Amino acid sequence: MWEYIIPILTLIIGLVGGFAIGVWYLKNQMTNMQMDEKQLQQIARSMGMNLNQKQLNQMTRRMQNVKPGIGKKKK
């Protein structure tokens, strides 16, 4: 009986642990991400938008001011 329970438990623990580590790593990478104006312009063009210099400066400032956890509701 234990020869069935232990592999199933290790699989579940491994999946949960791997998911948690993956989420942590992705959040860490997103907070450290830096984009220059050329990259922002390229992303905007891929979405069908053409940004002028004023809009590009606004986007750059917004990207620098974004902190993790913004957008979550505070009670």
PDB file of N, CA and C in Angstrom:
ATOM      1  N   MET A   1       0.810  -1.183   0.000  1.00  0.00           N
ATOM      2  CA  MET A   1       0.000   0.000   0.000  1.00  0.00           C
ATOM      3  C   MET A   1       0.867   1.268   0.000  1.00  0.00           C
ATOM      4  N   TRP A   2       1.939   1.288   0.807  1.00  0.00           N
ATOM      5  CA  TRP A   2       2.816   2.444   0.854  1.00  0.00           C
ATOM      6  C   TRP A   2       3.549   2.663  -0.465  1.00  0.00           C
ATOM      7  N   GLU A   3       3.708   1.604  -1.248  1.00  0.00           N
ATOM      8  CA  GLU A   3       4.400   1.753  -2.530  1.00  0.00           C
ATOM      9  C   GLU A   3       3.566   2.546  -3.538  1.00  0.00           C
ATOM     10  N   TYR A   4       2.293   2.760  -3.273  1.00  0.00           N
ATOM     11  CA  TYR A   4       1.439   3.605  -4.113  1.00  0.00           C
ATOM     12  C   TYR A   4       1.275   5.008  -3.526  1.00  0.00           C
ATOM     13  N   ILE A   5       1.230   5.103  -2.214  1.00  0.00           N
ATOM     14  CA  ILE A   5       0.962   6.382  -1.557  1.00  0.00           C
ATOM     15  C   ILE A   5       2.167   7.320  -1.646  1.00  0.00           C
ATOM     16  N   ILE A   6       3.360   6.812  -1.389  1.00  0.00           N
ATOM     17  CA  ILE A   6       4.559   7.661  -1.370  1.00  0.00           C
ATOM     18  C   ILE A   6       4.840   8.300  -2.737  1.00  0.00           C
ATOM     19  N   PRO A   7       4.794   7.563  -3.849  1.00  0.00           N
ATOM     20  CA  PRO A   7       5.024   8.246  -5.145  1.00  0.00           C
ATOM     21  C   PRO A   7       3.964   9.299  -5.457  1.00  0.00           C
ATOM     22  N   ILE A   8       2.726   9.038  -5.104  1.00  0.00           N
ATOM     23  CA  ILE A   8       1.671  10.017  -5.367  1.00  0.00           C
ATOM     24  C   ILE A   8       1.886  11.266  -4.527  1.00  0.00           C
ATOM     25  N   LEU A   9       2.234  11.091  -3.253  1.00  0.00           N
ATOM     26  CA  LEU A   9       2.491  12.248  -2.393  1.00  0.00           C
ATOM     27  C   LEU A   9       3.697  13.055  -2.870  1.00  0.00           C
ATOM     28  N   THR A  10       4.764  12.390  -3.277  1.00  0.00           N
ATOM     29  CA  THR A  10       5.943  13.117  -3.755  1.00  0.00           C
ATOM     30  C   THR A  10       5.629  13.863  -5.051  1.00  0.00           C
ATOM     31  N   LEU A  11       4.796  13.279  -5.901  1.00  0.00           N
ATOM     32  CA  LEU A  11       4.398  13.963  -7.132  1.00  0.00           C
ATOM     33  C   LEU A  11       3.612  15.228  -6.806  1.00  0.00           C
ATOM     34  N   ILE A  12       2.665  15.126  -5.911  1.00  0.00           N
ATOM     35  CA  ILE A  12       1.849  16.287  -5.543  1.00  0.00           C
ATOM     36  C   ILE A  12       2.719  17.365  -4.903  1.00  0.00           C
ATOM     37  N   ILE A  13       3.579  16.968  -3.975  1.00  0.00           N
ATOM     38  CA  ILE A  13       4.459  17.941  -3.314  1.00  0.00           C
ATOM     39  C   ILE A  13       5.404  18.589  -4.327  1.00  0.00           C
ATOM     40  N   GLY A  14       5.921  17.806  -5.255  1.00  0.00           N
ATOM     41  CA  GLY A  14       6.810  18.351  -6.283  1.00  0.00           C
ATOM     42  C   GLY A  14       6.100  19.335  -7.198  1.00  0.00           C
ATOM     43  N   LEU A  15       4.870  19.033  -7.587  1.00  0.00           N
ATOM     44  CA  LEU A  15       4.119  19.946  -8.445  1.00  0.00           C
ATOM     45  C   LEU A  15       3.798  21.255  -7.727  1.00  0.00           C
ATOM     46  N   VAL A  16       3.360  21.159  -6.486  1.00  0.00           N
ATOM     47  CA  VAL A  16       3.039  22.365  -5.719  1.00  0.00           C
ATOM     48  C   VAL A  16       4.302  23.190  -5.479  1.00  0.00           C
ATOM     49  N   GLY A  17       5.391  22.542  -5.098  1.00  0.00           N
ATOM     50  CA  GLY A  17       6.649  23.255  -4.875  1.00  0.00           C
ATOM     51  C   GLY A  17       7.186  23.887  -6.151  1.00  0.00           C
ATOM     52  N   GLY A  18       7.111  23.167  -7.256  1.00  0.00           N
ATOM     53  CA  GLY A  18       7.572  23.706  -8.533  1.00  0.00           C
ATOM     54  C   GLY A  18       6.746  24.897  -8.983  1.00  0.00           C
ATOM     55  N   PHE A  19       5.443  24.819  -8.774  1.00  0.00           N
ATOM     56  CA  PHE A  19       4.573  25.941  -9.123  1.00  0.00           C
ATOM     57  C   PHE A  19       4.916  27.164  -8.278  1.00  0.00           C
ATOM     58  N   ALA A  20       5.105  26.960  -6.970  1.00  0.00           N
ATOM     59  CA  ALA A  20       5.419  28.077  -6.077  1.00  0.00           C
ATOM     60  C   ALA A  20       6.754  28.720  -6.457  1.00  0.00           C
ATOM     61  N   ILE A  21       7.741  27.918  -6.758  1.00  0.00           N
ATOM     62  CA  ILE A  21       9.050  28.445  -7.162  1.00  0.00           C
ATOM     63  C   ILE A  21       8.935  29.173  -8.502  1.00  0.00           C
ATOM     64  N   GLY A  22       8.154  28.640  -9.429  1.00  0.00           N
ATOM     65  CA  GLY A  22       7.954  29.293 -10.723  1.00  0.00           C
ATOM     66  C   GLY A  22       7.282  30.644 -10.590  1.00  0.00           C
ATOM     67  N   VAL A  23       6.277  30.744  -9.753  1.00  0.00           N
ATOM     68  CA  VAL A  23       5.588  32.023  -9.531  1.00  0.00           C
ATOM     69  C   VAL A  23       6.540  33.030  -8.901  1.00  0.00           C
ATOM     70  N   TRP A  24       7.296  32.589  -7.907  1.00  0.00           N
ATOM     71  CA  TRP A  24       8.262  33.481  -7.257  1.00  0.00           C
ATOM     72  C   TRP A  24       9.299  33.986  -8.265  1.00  0.00           C
ATOM     73  N   TYR A  25       9.823  33.095  -9.098  1.00  0.00           N
ATOM     74  CA  TYR A  25      10.835  33.464 -10.080  1.00  0.00           C
ATOM     75  C   TYR A  25      10.270  34.457 -11.095  1.00  0.00           C
ATOM     76  N   LEU A  26       9.039  34.209 -11.566  1.00  0.00           N
ATOM     77  CA  LEU A  26       8.433  35.107 -12.540  1.00  0.00           C
ATOM     78  C   LEU A  26       8.195  36.490 -11.939  1.00  0.00           C
ATOM     79  N   LYS A  27       7.702  36.556 -10.706  1.00  0.00           N
ATOM     80  CA  LYS A  27       7.509  37.851 -10.045  1.00  0.00           C
ATOM     81  C   LYS A  27       8.835  38.578  -9.884  1.00  0.00           C
ATOM     82  N   ASN A  28       9.869  37.838  -9.521  1.00  0.00           N
ATOM     83  CA  ASN A  28      11.190  38.431  -9.346  1.00  0.00           C
ATOM     84  C   ASN A  28      11.707  38.996 -10.669  1.00  0.00           C
ATOM     85  N   GLN A  29      11.531  38.286 -11.746  1.00  0.00           N
ATOM     86  CA  GLN A  29      11.987  38.756 -13.051  1.00  0.00           C
ATOM     87  C   GLN A  29      11.193  39.971 -13.518  1.00  0.00           C
ATOM     88  N   MET A  30       9.883  39.980 -13.242  1.00  0.00           N
ATOM     89  CA  MET A  30       9.054  41.108 -13.674  1.00  0.00           C
ATOM     90  C   MET A  30       9.414  42.391 -12.922  1.00  0.00           C
ATOM     91  N   THR A  31       9.771  42.281 -11.648  1.00  0.00           N
ATOM     92  CA  THR A  31      10.134  43.488 -10.899  1.00  0.00           C
ATOM     93  C   THR A  31      11.485  44.026 -11.340  1.00  0.00           C
ATOM     94  N   ASN A  32      12.359  43.181 -11.833  1.00  0.00           N
ATOM     95  CA  ASN A  32      13.686  43.612 -12.258  1.00  0.00           C
ATOM     96  C   ASN A  32      13.752  43.975 -13.736  1.00  0.00           C
ATOM     97  N   MET A  33      12.619  43.846 -14.443  1.00  0.00           N
ATOM     98  CA  MET A  33      12.607  44.078 -15.881  1.00  0.00           C
ATOM     99  C   MET A  33      12.758  45.570 -16.189  1.00  0.00           C
ATOM    100  N   GLN A  34      13.678  45.896 -17.046  1.00  0.00           N
ATOM    101  CA  GLN A  34      13.887  47.275 -17.494  1.00  0.00           C
ATOM    102  C   GLN A  34      13.694  47.308 -19.005  1.00  0.00           C
ATOM    103  N   MET A  35      12.903  48.273 -19.482  1.00  0.00           N
ATOM    104  CA  MET A  35      12.675  48.415 -20.918  1.00  0.00           C
ATOM    105  C   MET A  35      13.134  49.792 -21.360  1.00  0.00           C
ATOM    106  N   ASP A  36      13.781  49.830 -22.489  1.00  0.00           N
ATOM    107  CA  ASP A  36      14.146  51.125 -23.035  1.00  0.00           C
ATOM    108  C   ASP A  36      13.060  51.576 -24.020  1.00  0.00           C
ATOM    109  N   GLU A  37      13.223  52.766 -24.559  1.00  0.00           N
ATOM    110  CA  GLU A  37      12.176  53.339 -25.404  1.00  0.00           C
ATOM    111  C   GLU A  37      11.963  52.548 -26.694  1.00  0.00           C
ATOM    112  N   LYS A  38      13.025  51.987 -27.231  1.00  0.00           N
ATOM    113  CA  LYS A  38      12.893  51.212 -28.470  1.00  0.00           C
ATOM    114  C   LYS A  38      12.032  49.968 -28.244  1.00  0.00           C
ATOM    115  N   GLN A  39      12.235  49.307 -27.111  1.00  0.00           N
ATOM    116  CA  GLN A  39      11.443  48.118 -26.811  1.00  0.00           C
ATOM    117  C   GLN A  39       9.978  48.480 -26.600  1.00  0.00           C
ATOM    118  N   LEU A  40       9.717  49.578 -25.888  1.00  0.00           N
ATOM    119  CA  LEU A  40       8.340  50.017 -25.680  1.00  0.00           C
ATOM    120  C   LEU A  40       7.668  50.370 -27.005  1.00  0.00           C
ATOM    121  N   GLN A  41       8.386  51.046 -27.872  1.00  0.00           N
ATOM    122  CA  GLN A  41       7.848  51.407 -29.183  1.00  0.00           C
ATOM    123  C   GLN A  41       7.531  50.160 -30.004  1.00  0.00           C
ATOM    124  N   GLN A  42       8.400  49.158 -29.936  1.00  0.00           N
ATOM    125  CA  GLN A  42       8.188  47.921 -30.670  1.00  0.00           C
ATOM    126  C   GLN A  42       6.968  47.173 -30.143  1.00  0.00           C
ATOM    127  N   ILE A  43       6.788  47.137 -28.831  1.00  0.00           N
ATOM    128  CA  ILE A  43       5.624  46.473 -28.240  1.00  0.00           C
ATOM    129  C   ILE A  43       4.344  47.203 -28.639  1.00  0.00           C
ATOM    130  N   ALA A  44       4.388  48.542 -28.607  1.00  0.00           N
ATOM    131  CA  ALA A  44       3.209  49.323 -28.985  1.00  0.00           C
ATOM    132  C   ALA A  44       2.859  49.088 -30.452  1.00  0.00           C
ATOM    133  N   ARG A  45       3.844  49.026 -31.322  1.00  0.00           N
ATOM    134  CA  ARG A  45       3.573  48.771 -32.740  1.00  0.00           C
ATOM    135  C   ARG A  45       2.990  47.379 -32.958  1.00  0.00           C
ATOM    136  N   SER A  46       3.446  46.407 -32.176  1.00  0.00           N
ATOM    137  CA  SER A  46       2.910  45.055 -32.329  1.00  0.00           C
ATOM    138  C   SER A  46       1.445  44.992 -31.907  1.00  0.00           C
ATOM    139  N   MET A  47       1.013  45.942 -31.064  1.00  0.00           N
ATOM    140  CA  MET A  47      -0.386  46.010 -30.655  1.00  0.00           C
ATOM    141  C   MET A  47      -1.187  46.970 -31.538  1.00  0.00           C
ATOM    142  N   GLY A  48      -0.568  47.499 -32.572  1.00  0.00           N
ATOM    143  CA  GLY A  48      -1.269  48.367 -33.513  1.00  0.00           C
ATOM    144  C   GLY A  48      -1.324  49.822 -33.086  1.00  0.00           C
ATOM    145  N   MET A  49      -0.460  50.234 -32.177  1.00  0.00           N
ATOM    146  CA  MET A  49      -0.431  51.624 -31.712  1.00  0.00           C
ATOM    147  C   MET A  49       0.875  52.260 -32.146  1.00  0.00           C
ATOM    148  N   ASN A  50       0.798  53.543 -32.487  1.00  0.00           N
ATOM    149  CA  ASN A  50       2.012  54.277 -32.831  1.00  0.00           C
ATOM    150  C   ASN A  50       2.150  55.412 -31.831  1.00  0.00           C
ATOM    151  N   LEU A  51       3.129  55.330 -30.948  1.00  0.00           N
ATOM    152  CA  LEU A  51       3.296  56.302 -29.879  1.00  0.00           C
ATOM    153  C   LEU A  51       4.186  57.456 -30.332  1.00  0.00           C
ATOM    154  N   ASN A  52       3.764  58.692 -29.986  1.00  0.00           N
ATOM    155  CA  ASN A  52       4.651  59.818 -30.227  1.00  0.00           C
ATOM    156  C   ASN A  52       5.588  59.954 -29.026  1.00  0.00           C
ATOM    157  N   GLN A  53       6.474  60.932 -29.062  1.00  0.00           N
ATOM    158  CA  GLN A  53       7.501  61.040 -28.020  1.00  0.00           C
ATOM    159  C   GLN A  53       6.889  61.320 -26.643  1.00  0.00           C
ATOM    160  N   LYS A  54       5.834  62.156 -26.592  1.00  0.00           N
ATOM    161  CA  LYS A  54       5.200  62.468 -25.313  1.00  0.00           C
ATOM    162  C   LYS A  54       4.582  61.211 -24.697  1.00  0.00           C
ATOM    163  N   GLN A  55       3.881  60.435 -25.513  1.00  0.00           N
ATOM    164  CA  GLN A  55       3.269  59.193 -25.020  1.00  0.00           C
ATOM    165  C   GLN A  55       4.339  58.196 -24.588  1.00  0.00           C
ATOM    166  N   LEU A  56       5.420  58.145 -25.334  1.00  0.00           N
ATOM    167  CA  LEU A  56       6.521  57.242 -25.009  1.00  0.00           C
ATOM    168  C   LEU A  56       7.152  57.618 -23.666  1.00  0.00           C
ATOM    169  N   ASN A  57       7.307  58.915 -23.420  1.00  0.00           N
ATOM    170  CA  ASN A  57       7.847  59.364 -22.132  1.00  0.00           C
ATOM    171  C   ASN A  57       6.903  59.015 -20.987  1.00  0.00           C
ATOM    172  N   GLN A  58       5.585  59.173 -21.214  1.00  0.00           N
ATOM    173  CA  GLN A  58       4.607  58.813 -20.189  1.00  0.00           C
ATOM    174  C   GLN A  58       4.672  57.325 -19.874  1.00  0.00           C
ATOM    175  N   MET A  59       4.761  56.498 -20.894  1.00  0.00           N
ATOM    176  CA  MET A  59       4.838  55.044 -20.696  1.00  0.00           C
ATOM    177  C   MET A  59       6.113  54.675 -19.935  1.00  0.00           C
ATOM    178  N   THR A  60       7.216  55.326 -20.264  1.00  0.00           N
ATOM    179  CA  THR A  60       8.480  55.050 -19.583  1.00  0.00           C
ATOM    180  C   THR A  60       8.371  55.386 -18.101  1.00  0.00           C
ATOM    181  N   ARG A  61       7.772  56.544 -17.786  1.00  0.00           N
ATOM    182  CA  ARG A  61       7.606  56.935 -16.383  1.00  0.00           C
ATOM    183  C   ARG A  61       6.684  55.968 -15.649  1.00  0.00           C
ATOM    184  N   ARG A  62       5.614  55.553 -16.301  1.00  0.00           N
ATOM    185  CA  ARG A  62       4.686  54.612 -15.668  1.00  0.00           C
ATOM    186  C   ARG A  62       5.349  53.270 -15.398  1.00  0.00           C
ATOM    187  N   MET A  63       6.163  52.813 -16.332  1.00  0.00           N
ATOM    188  CA  MET A  63       6.849  51.532 -16.143  1.00  0.00           C
ATOM    189  C   MET A  63       7.833  51.617 -14.976  1.00  0.00           C
ATOM    190  N   GLN A  64       8.457  52.767 -14.777  1.00  0.00           N
ATOM    191  CA  GLN A  64       9.403  52.911 -13.679  1.00  0.00           C
ATOM    192  C   GLN A  64       8.702  53.038 -12.335  1.00  0.00           C
ATOM    193  N   ASN A  65       7.470  53.565 -12.326  1.00  0.00           N
ATOM    194  CA  ASN A  65       6.743  53.780 -11.078  1.00  0.00           C
ATOM    195  C   ASN A  65       5.925  52.576 -10.640  1.00  0.00           C
ATOM    196  N   VAL A  66       5.799  51.558 -11.485  1.00  0.00           N
ATOM    197  CA  VAL A  66       4.993  50.390 -11.137  1.00  0.00           C
ATOM    198  C   VAL A  66       5.708  49.582 -10.069  1.00  0.00           C
ATOM    199  N   LYS A  67       4.968  49.236  -9.032  1.00  0.00           N
ATOM    200  CA  LYS A  67       5.523  48.416  -7.959  1.00  0.00           C
ATOM    201  C   LYS A  67       4.729  47.130  -7.889  1.00  0.00           C
ATOM    202  N   PRO A  68       5.350  46.032  -7.456  1.00  0.00           N
ATOM    203  CA  PRO A  68       4.603  44.781  -7.336  1.00  0.00           C
ATOM    204  C   PRO A  68       3.475  44.922  -6.323  1.00  0.00           C
ATOM    205  N   GLY A  69       2.349  44.344  -6.649  1.00  0.00           N
ATOM    206  CA  GLY A  69       1.212  44.362  -5.734  1.00  0.00           C
ATOM    207  C   GLY A  69       0.230  45.475  -6.042  1.00  0.00           C
ATOM    208  N   ILE A  70       0.556  46.370  -6.967  1.00  0.00           N
ATOM    209  CA  ILE A  70      -0.379  47.420  -7.313  1.00  0.00           C
ATOM    210  C   ILE A  70      -1.505  46.802  -8.123  1.00  0.00           C
ATOM    211  N   GLY A  71      -2.697  47.253  -7.877  1.00  0.00           N
ATOM    212  CA  GLY A  71      -3.865  46.691  -8.553  1.00  0.00           C
ATOM    213  C   GLY A  71      -4.635  45.770  -7.662  1.00  0.00           C
ATOM    214  N   LYS A  72      -4.055  45.382  -6.559  1.00  0.00           N
ATOM    215  CA  LYS A  72      -4.771  44.540  -5.602  1.00  0.00           C
ATOM    216  C   LYS A  72      -5.630  45.439  -4.734  1.00  0.00           C
ATOM    217  N   LYS A  73      -6.796  44.968  -4.387  1.00  0.00           N
ATOM    218  CA  LYS A  73      -7.688  45.748  -3.542  1.00  0.00           C
ATOM    219  C   LYS A  73      -7.212  45.734  -2.109  1.00  0.00           C
ATOM    220  N   LYS A  74      -7.238  46.892  -1.489  1.00  0.00           N
ATOM    221  CA  LYS A  74      -6.861  46.994  -0.093  1.00  0.00           C
ATOM    222  C   LYS A  74      -8.126  47.109   0.735  1.00  0.00           C
ATOM    223  N   LYS A  75      -8.176  46.409   1.821  1.00  0.00           N
ATOM    224  CA  LYS A  75      -9.354  46.463   2.683  1.00  0.00           C
ATOM    225  C   LYS A  75      -9.073  47.272   3.912  1.00  0.00           C
TER     226      LYS A  75
END
